[in-house]
Amino acid sequence: MIVKLIDYLRDRLKMVVRLCYVGLALLVVYDFLFVDKHHVHTSVEKLPGWWSIFGFIACALIIILSKLYGHFKWFGGFRIMAREDYYD
C-alpha cells in the first residue's frame, strides 16, 4: 500500500512540489491574517512567516556545520568521517 503511494507521488513529482509551495503560501497567508501579533517580543516576529524562515535557516546551518565538522581534520590526522577503504 505505502509503496504504491510512494510510486504514485514519485511519478507526479512536479505536482507534489507545487502542492507543497501552495501549502507553504497558505500558511504564510494564514499567519499574516489570523495570528495575533500584539504581544511579540521583537520586531522581526511581526513579519509573516518569520518562524518558518528562521527554522529553515537554522536547519540549513545545522546541516552545513555538521558536514564541515565531519570533514574537519583534527590533531594527528584524525577525522570523524573516514575514507571508505579505511579498514582495508
Protein backbone atom coordinates (compact mmCIF):
# COMPACT_ATOMS: atom_id res chain seq x y z
CA MET A 1 0.00 0.00 0.00
CA ILE A 2 2.65 2.53 1.04
CA VAL A 3 4.91 1.50 -1.86
CA LYS A 4 2.13 2.23 -4.34
CA LEU A 5 1.60 5.66 -2.75
CA ILE A 6 5.31 6.46 -2.96
CA ASP A 7 5.44 5.35 -6.60
CA TYR A 8 2.33 7.42 -7.37
CA LEU A 9 3.85 10.54 -5.80
CA ARG A 10 7.23 9.96 -7.44
CA ASP A 11 5.57 9.77 -10.86
CA ARG A 12 3.88 13.12 -10.18
CA LEU A 13 6.80 14.93 -8.54
CA LYS A 14 6.08 18.33 -10.13
CA MET A 15 2.54 18.25 -8.79
CA VAL A 16 3.78 17.34 -5.31
CA VAL A 17 6.30 20.21 -5.33
CA ARG A 18 3.64 22.67 -6.48
CA LEU A 19 1.24 21.49 -3.79
CA CYS A 20 3.96 21.98 -1.17
CA TYR A 21 4.56 25.54 -2.41
CA VAL A 22 0.82 26.24 -2.29
CA GLY A 23 0.63 24.83 1.24
CA LEU A 24 3.54 26.98 2.39
CA ALA A 25 2.00 30.07 0.79
CA LEU A 26 -1.32 29.35 2.51
CA LEU A 27 0.46 29.03 5.86
CA VAL A 28 2.13 32.42 5.37
CA VAL A 29 -1.23 33.98 4.41
CA TYR A 30 -2.84 32.42 7.48
CA ASP A 31 -0.02 33.78 9.63
CA PHE A 32 -0.45 37.23 8.10
CA LEU A 33 -4.23 37.37 8.52
CA PHE A 34 -5.13 35.40 11.63
CA VAL A 35 -2.19 35.16 14.04
CA ASP A 36 -2.23 37.75 16.81
CA LYS A 37 0.96 39.84 16.72
CA HIS A 38 0.22 42.27 19.55
CA HIS A 39 2.37 40.52 22.15
CA VAL A 40 5.55 39.83 20.17
CA HIS A 41 8.93 40.08 21.88
CA THR A 42 10.90 41.51 18.94
CA SER A 43 10.01 43.49 15.84
CA VAL A 44 11.02 40.71 13.41
CA GLU A 45 8.32 38.46 14.86
CA LYS A 46 5.76 40.73 13.21
CA LEU A 47 6.90 39.54 9.78
CA PRO A 48 4.60 36.93 8.24
CA GLY A 49 6.27 33.54 8.20
CA TRP A 50 9.19 34.66 10.36
CA TRP A 51 9.42 31.47 12.39
CA SER A 52 9.27 29.36 9.22
CA ILE A 53 12.15 31.30 7.70
CA PHE A 54 14.08 31.14 10.97
CA GLY A 55 13.56 27.38 11.24
CA PHE A 56 14.64 26.77 7.65
CA ILE A 57 17.82 28.82 8.07
CA ALA A 58 18.62 27.11 11.38
CA CYS A 59 18.13 23.66 9.85
CA ALA A 60 20.31 24.52 6.85
CA LEU A 61 23.04 25.84 9.16
CA ILE A 62 22.94 22.67 11.26
CA ILE A 63 23.38 20.54 8.14
CA ILE A 64 26.24 22.67 6.75
CA LEU A 65 28.09 22.88 10.06
CA SER A 66 27.69 19.13 10.65
CA LYS A 67 29.21 18.38 7.25
CA LEU A 68 32.11 20.75 7.92
CA TYR A 69 32.64 19.19 11.35
CA GLY A 70 32.70 15.71 9.85
CA HIS A 71 35.34 16.63 7.27
CA PHE A 72 37.45 18.70 9.68
CA LYS A 73 40.93 17.27 10.26
CA TRP A 74 41.73 17.08 13.97
CA PHE A 75 45.16 16.85 15.58
CA GLY A 76 47.12 13.82 14.47
CA GLY A 77 45.18 13.49 11.21
CA PHE A 78 42.03 12.09 12.88
CA ARG A 79 38.76 12.71 11.06
CA ILE A 80 35.24 11.86 12.11
CA MET A 81 34.32 10.78 8.59
CA ALA A 82 36.91 8.20 7.50
CA ARG A 83 37.55 7.07 3.95
CA GLU A 84 35.54 4.09 2.74
CA ASP A 85 38.67 1.97 2.43
CA TYR A 86 39.98 2.95 5.89
CA TYR A 87 39.79 -0.57 7.34
CA ASP A 88 41.22 -2.36 4.28
